[in-house]
Amino acid sequence: MSNTLSLAAHTPKRNHLLAALPEASLQALLPFLESVPLPLGMVVYESGGTQGYVYFPTSSIVSLLYVLADGASAEIAVTGNEGLVGIALFMGGETTPSRAVVQSAGEGYRLRAGVLKKEFERGGELQHLLLRYTQALITQMTQTAVCNRHHAVDQQLCRWLLLSLDRLPGSELVMTQELIANMLGVRREGVTEAAGKLQSEGLIHYSRGHISVLDRRRLEARVCECYAVVKKEYDRLLPERATLSARASS
């Protein structure tokens, strides 16, 4: 179909927020959007640091982390092709206490802070879309806090896997157990045990940092309620995202 987005081409429309914009709004941004690689481990912004750009991932995933004084960290949200990184720029805060790090390498687009602020202040669909995305992101952060407090590590791992897969074109992740432990804020031994349990049940295959999801349906049945809460809210607030995701998987 001519309207179907090509997964092969690297275009701004591979980011669902950009693709959901009216054509006139997107055309206004296109001259300012810069294609950038987002390699694994790249720090998109530091806690308390000035944010000169917002980033729109297309084939990468960025983790928002809270880092404690002793260096320990925990993931508070994950962003991929459904959204953007750097909401503080248009929410008026300018900086944030979280840290943004690329957890799955890929590509994306960046937009200078001044350009985004100017377009946001015009109002219209861009502003409405970004505010709806922000509400969905806040839901994810809230549910992550609840999940980390009340649910077992294997359920947290299921949630993390599904949220990550929703933001990638394939069914495989490249991530060491140590990095996963840092994301979830748990001991590495806990991740080893949880991953082993899921692998023994035939849900995933894990080897040398490569995680392949073998049975997504059973993984969704295994996960705690937190995944469904987050997904439902994203689909409610960003119905364009659900439509684009369905096209991409067809």
Protein backbone atom coordinates (compact mmCIF):
# COMPACT_ATOMS: atom_id res chain seq x y z
CA MET A 1 0.00 0.00 0.00
CA SER A 2 1.29 3.48 -0.82
CA ASN A 3 0.33 4.81 2.63
CA THR A 4 2.19 2.07 4.47
CA LEU A 5 5.39 3.29 6.06
CA SER A 6 8.49 1.58 4.77
CA LEU A 7 10.49 0.02 7.56
CA ALA A 8 13.52 -0.19 5.29
CA ALA A 9 13.79 3.56 4.74
CA HIS A 10 15.18 5.77 7.47
CA THR A 11 12.74 8.66 7.49
CA PRO A 12 11.28 10.88 10.23
CA LYS A 13 7.96 9.07 9.79
CA ARG A 14 9.46 5.98 11.39
CA ASN A 15 8.96 7.91 14.61
CA HIS A 16 5.27 7.63 15.44
CA LEU A 17 4.95 11.11 16.94
CA LEU A 18 6.36 12.72 13.82
CA ALA A 19 4.28 10.46 11.58
CA ALA A 20 1.12 11.45 13.46
CA LEU A 21 1.59 15.15 12.77
CA PRO A 22 -0.51 16.84 10.08
CA GLU A 23 1.53 17.10 6.90
CA ALA A 24 1.85 20.89 7.18
CA SER A 25 3.23 20.63 10.72
CA LEU A 26 5.72 17.95 9.71
CA GLN A 27 6.87 19.95 6.70
CA ALA A 28 7.56 22.91 8.99
CA LEU A 29 9.89 20.74 11.09
CA LEU A 30 11.65 18.80 8.31
CA PRO A 31 14.33 21.43 7.51
CA PHE A 32 15.42 21.37 11.18
CA LEU A 33 15.36 17.61 11.82
CA GLU A 34 18.86 16.10 11.86
CA SER A 35 19.39 12.38 11.31
CA VAL A 36 21.72 11.02 14.03
CA PRO A 37 23.11 7.63 15.05
CA LEU A 38 22.26 6.57 18.61
CA PRO A 39 24.94 4.04 19.61
CA LEU A 40 24.62 1.74 22.61
CA GLY A 41 25.54 3.53 25.84
CA MET A 42 25.36 7.05 24.40
CA VAL A 43 24.32 9.56 27.06
CA VAL A 44 21.60 11.68 25.47
CA TYR A 45 21.52 14.00 28.47
CA GLU A 46 22.85 14.01 32.02
CA SER A 47 20.97 14.65 35.23
CA GLY A 48 20.66 18.40 35.72
CA GLY A 49 22.41 19.13 32.42
CA THR A 50 21.27 21.58 29.77
CA GLN A 51 19.25 19.94 27.01
CA GLY A 52 20.12 21.47 23.67
CA TYR A 53 18.00 19.07 21.63
CA VAL A 54 15.01 16.76 21.77
CA TYR A 55 15.50 13.33 20.21
CA PHE A 56 12.98 11.32 18.20
CA PRO A 57 14.19 7.68 18.12
CA THR A 58 13.27 5.63 15.06
CA SER A 59 15.09 2.30 15.49
CA SER A 60 16.71 2.78 18.91
CA ILE A 61 15.55 2.71 22.54
CA VAL A 62 16.52 5.24 25.19
CA SER A 63 16.23 4.55 28.92
CA LEU A 64 15.45 7.29 31.40
CA LEU A 65 17.39 6.49 34.57
CA TYR A 66 17.49 7.92 38.05
CA VAL A 67 21.04 7.78 39.41
CA LEU A 68 21.69 7.82 43.16
CA ALA A 69 24.64 9.50 44.87
CA ASP A 70 26.43 6.15 45.27
CA GLY A 71 26.19 5.47 41.52
CA ALA A 72 23.34 2.96 41.70
CA SER A 73 20.62 3.50 39.11
CA ALA A 74 17.14 2.32 38.14
CA GLU A 75 15.12 2.81 34.99
CA ILE A 76 12.03 4.98 35.37
CA ALA A 77 10.84 4.84 31.75
CA VAL A 78 11.80 3.70 28.28
CA THR A 79 11.33 5.63 25.02
CA GLY A 80 11.56 4.42 21.44
CA ASN A 81 9.85 5.08 18.15
CA GLU A 82 6.60 5.95 19.93
CA GLY A 83 7.90 9.20 21.39
CA LEU A 84 10.69 11.62 22.13
CA VAL A 85 13.43 12.21 24.68
CA GLY A 86 13.59 15.61 26.37
CA ILE A 87 10.10 16.60 27.55
CA ALA A 88 11.57 19.08 30.06
CA LEU A 89 12.28 21.44 27.16
CA PHE A 90 8.62 22.12 26.38
CA MET A 91 7.28 21.56 29.92
CA GLY A 92 9.20 24.59 31.16
CA GLY A 93 11.68 22.84 33.41
CA GLU A 94 14.71 23.05 31.08
CA THR A 95 16.53 20.34 33.08
CA THR A 96 15.57 17.06 34.78
CA PRO A 97 17.04 14.92 37.58
CA SER A 98 16.96 11.84 35.33
CA ARG A 99 19.66 10.62 32.94
CA ALA A 100 18.92 9.41 29.38
CA VAL A 101 21.06 6.59 27.96
CA VAL A 102 20.70 4.57 24.75
CA GLN A 103 19.89 0.97 25.75
CA SER A 104 19.39 -0.40 22.22
CA ALA A 105 21.48 1.04 19.38
CA GLY A 106 19.86 2.46 16.28
CA GLU A 107 19.02 5.75 14.69
CA GLY A 108 16.88 8.77 15.32
CA TYR A 109 16.38 12.46 14.63
CA ARG A 110 17.14 15.45 16.79
CA LEU A 111 15.64 18.92 16.84
CA ARG A 112 17.16 22.01 18.40
CA ALA A 113 15.52 23.11 21.62
CA GLY A 114 14.72 26.58 20.32
CA VAL A 115 12.91 25.24 17.27
CA LEU A 116 10.77 22.88 19.31
CA LYS A 117 9.87 25.56 21.86
CA LYS A 118 8.82 27.97 19.11
CA GLU A 119 6.63 25.39 17.38
CA PHE A 120 5.18 24.18 20.69
CA GLU A 121 4.19 27.70 21.70
CA ARG A 122 2.24 28.08 18.47
CA GLY A 123 -0.26 25.59 19.86
CA GLY A 124 -2.15 23.36 17.49
CA GLU A 125 -1.71 19.64 16.90
CA LEU A 126 2.01 19.48 17.74
CA GLN A 127 1.38 20.89 21.21
CA HIS A 128 -1.60 18.59 21.81
CA LEU A 129 0.34 15.55 20.62
CA LEU A 130 3.35 16.29 22.84
CA LEU A 131 1.15 16.86 25.89
CA ARG A 132 -0.69 13.58 25.32
CA TYR A 133 2.63 11.79 24.94
CA THR A 134 3.85 13.37 28.20
CA GLN A 135 0.78 12.09 30.04
CA ALA A 136 1.42 8.59 28.68
CA LEU A 137 5.07 8.81 29.75
CA ILE A 138 4.07 9.86 33.27
CA THR A 139 1.79 6.82 33.42
CA GLN A 140 4.72 4.59 32.48
CA MET A 141 6.92 6.17 35.16
CA THR A 142 4.23 5.75 37.82
CA GLN A 143 3.52 2.14 36.89
CA THR A 144 7.26 1.33 36.83
CA ALA A 145 7.57 2.57 40.42
CA VAL A 146 4.62 0.40 41.49
CA CYS A 147 5.97 -2.63 39.61
CA ASN A 148 9.46 -2.34 41.07
CA ARG A 149 7.99 -2.20 44.57
CA HIS A 150 5.36 -4.93 44.41
CA HIS A 151 6.19 -7.47 41.70
CA ALA A 152 8.74 -10.26 41.37
CA VAL A 153 11.89 -9.80 39.29
CA ASP A 154 10.73 -12.25 36.61
CA GLN A 155 7.51 -10.23 36.18
CA GLN A 156 9.51 -7.01 35.99
CA LEU A 157 11.72 -8.61 33.35
CA CYS A 158 8.65 -9.63 31.32
CA ARG A 159 7.35 -6.05 31.49
CA TRP A 160 10.71 -4.64 30.47
CA LEU A 161 11.02 -7.05 27.54
CA LEU A 162 7.55 -6.32 26.22
CA LEU A 163 7.88 -2.55 26.53
CA SER A 164 11.22 -2.74 24.72
CA LEU A 165 9.88 -4.99 21.94
CA ASP A 166 6.95 -2.63 21.37
CA ARG A 167 9.54 -0.03 20.41
CA LEU A 168 11.64 -2.19 18.07
CA PRO A 169 10.89 -3.70 14.63
CA GLY A 170 12.09 -7.22 15.54
CA SER A 171 11.85 -9.76 18.35
CA GLU A 172 15.47 -9.66 19.55
CA LEU A 173 17.26 -7.46 22.06
CA VAL A 174 20.99 -7.08 22.64
CA MET A 175 21.48 -6.50 26.36
CA THR A 176 23.75 -8.00 29.01
CA GLN A 177 22.34 -9.22 32.32
CA GLU A 178 24.40 -6.58 34.12
CA LEU A 179 22.77 -3.81 32.11
CA ILE A 180 19.31 -5.28 32.66
CA ALA A 181 20.03 -5.42 36.40
CA ASN A 182 21.03 -1.74 36.32
CA MET A 183 17.83 -0.88 34.45
CA LEU A 184 15.60 -2.75 36.91
CA GLY A 185 17.59 -1.69 39.96
CA VAL A 186 18.11 -5.26 41.16
CA ARG A 187 21.07 -7.59 41.71
CA ARG A 188 22.54 -9.32 38.68
CA GLU A 189 21.88 -12.69 40.31
CA GLY A 190 18.17 -11.85 40.36
CA VAL A 191 18.17 -11.18 36.62
CA THR A 192 20.12 -14.41 35.96
CA GLU A 193 17.52 -16.39 37.89
CA ALA A 194 14.57 -14.62 36.25
CA ALA A 195 15.98 -14.99 32.71
CA GLY A 196 16.74 -18.66 33.39
CA LYS A 197 13.16 -19.23 34.53
CA LEU A 198 11.71 -17.62 31.39
CA GLN A 199 14.11 -19.59 29.20
CA SER A 200 13.23 -22.91 30.86
CA GLU A 201 9.57 -22.17 30.19
CA GLY A 202 10.33 -21.64 26.49
CA LEU A 203 9.40 -17.96 26.47
CA ILE A 204 12.82 -16.53 25.60
CA HIS A 205 16.26 -17.64 24.49
CA TYR A 206 19.20 -15.85 26.10
CA SER A 207 22.81 -16.23 25.00
CA ARG A 208 25.80 -13.89 25.22
CA GLY A 209 23.75 -10.74 25.61
CA HIS A 210 21.20 -11.63 22.91
CA ILE A 211 17.61 -12.08 24.05
CA SER A 212 15.15 -13.58 21.56
CA VAL A 213 11.46 -13.71 22.46
CA LEU A 214 10.18 -17.12 21.34
CA ASP A 215 6.56 -16.90 22.47
CA ARG A 216 5.22 -13.40 22.88
CA ARG A 217 1.66 -14.55 23.59
CA ARG A 218 2.77 -16.58 26.61
CA LEU A 219 5.09 -13.77 27.70
CA GLU A 220 2.10 -11.42 27.77
CA ALA A 221 0.18 -14.01 29.81
CA ARG A 222 3.11 -14.26 32.22
CA VAL A 223 3.65 -10.52 32.76
CA CYS A 224 2.10 -8.57 35.63
CA GLU A 225 -0.76 -6.10 35.10
CA CYS A 226 1.66 -3.18 34.75
CA TYR A 227 2.42 -3.80 31.09
CA ALA A 228 -1.25 -3.75 30.08
CA VAL A 229 -1.88 -0.56 32.07
CA VAL A 230 0.94 1.26 30.30
CA LYS A 231 0.07 -0.05 26.82
CA LYS A 232 -3.62 0.80 27.22
CA GLU A 233 -2.78 4.36 28.22
CA TYR A 234 -0.40 4.87 25.29
CA ASP A 235 -3.00 3.50 22.87
CA ARG A 236 -5.73 5.68 24.42
CA LEU A 237 -3.74 8.91 24.36
CA LEU A 238 -1.87 8.22 21.12
CA PRO A 239 -4.26 6.25 18.88
CA GLU A 240 -2.11 7.16 15.88
CA ARG A 241 0.70 5.12 17.47
CA ALA A 242 -1.47 2.00 17.67
CA THR A 243 -2.46 2.39 14.01
CA LEU A 244 1.14 2.85 12.85
CA SER A 245 2.32 -0.10 14.93
CA ALA A 246 -0.34 -2.30 13.35
CA ARG A 247 0.77 -1.23 9.87
CA ALA A 248 4.41 -1.90 10.65
CA SER A 249 3.70 -5.44 11.87
CA SER A 250 1.44 -6.35 8.94
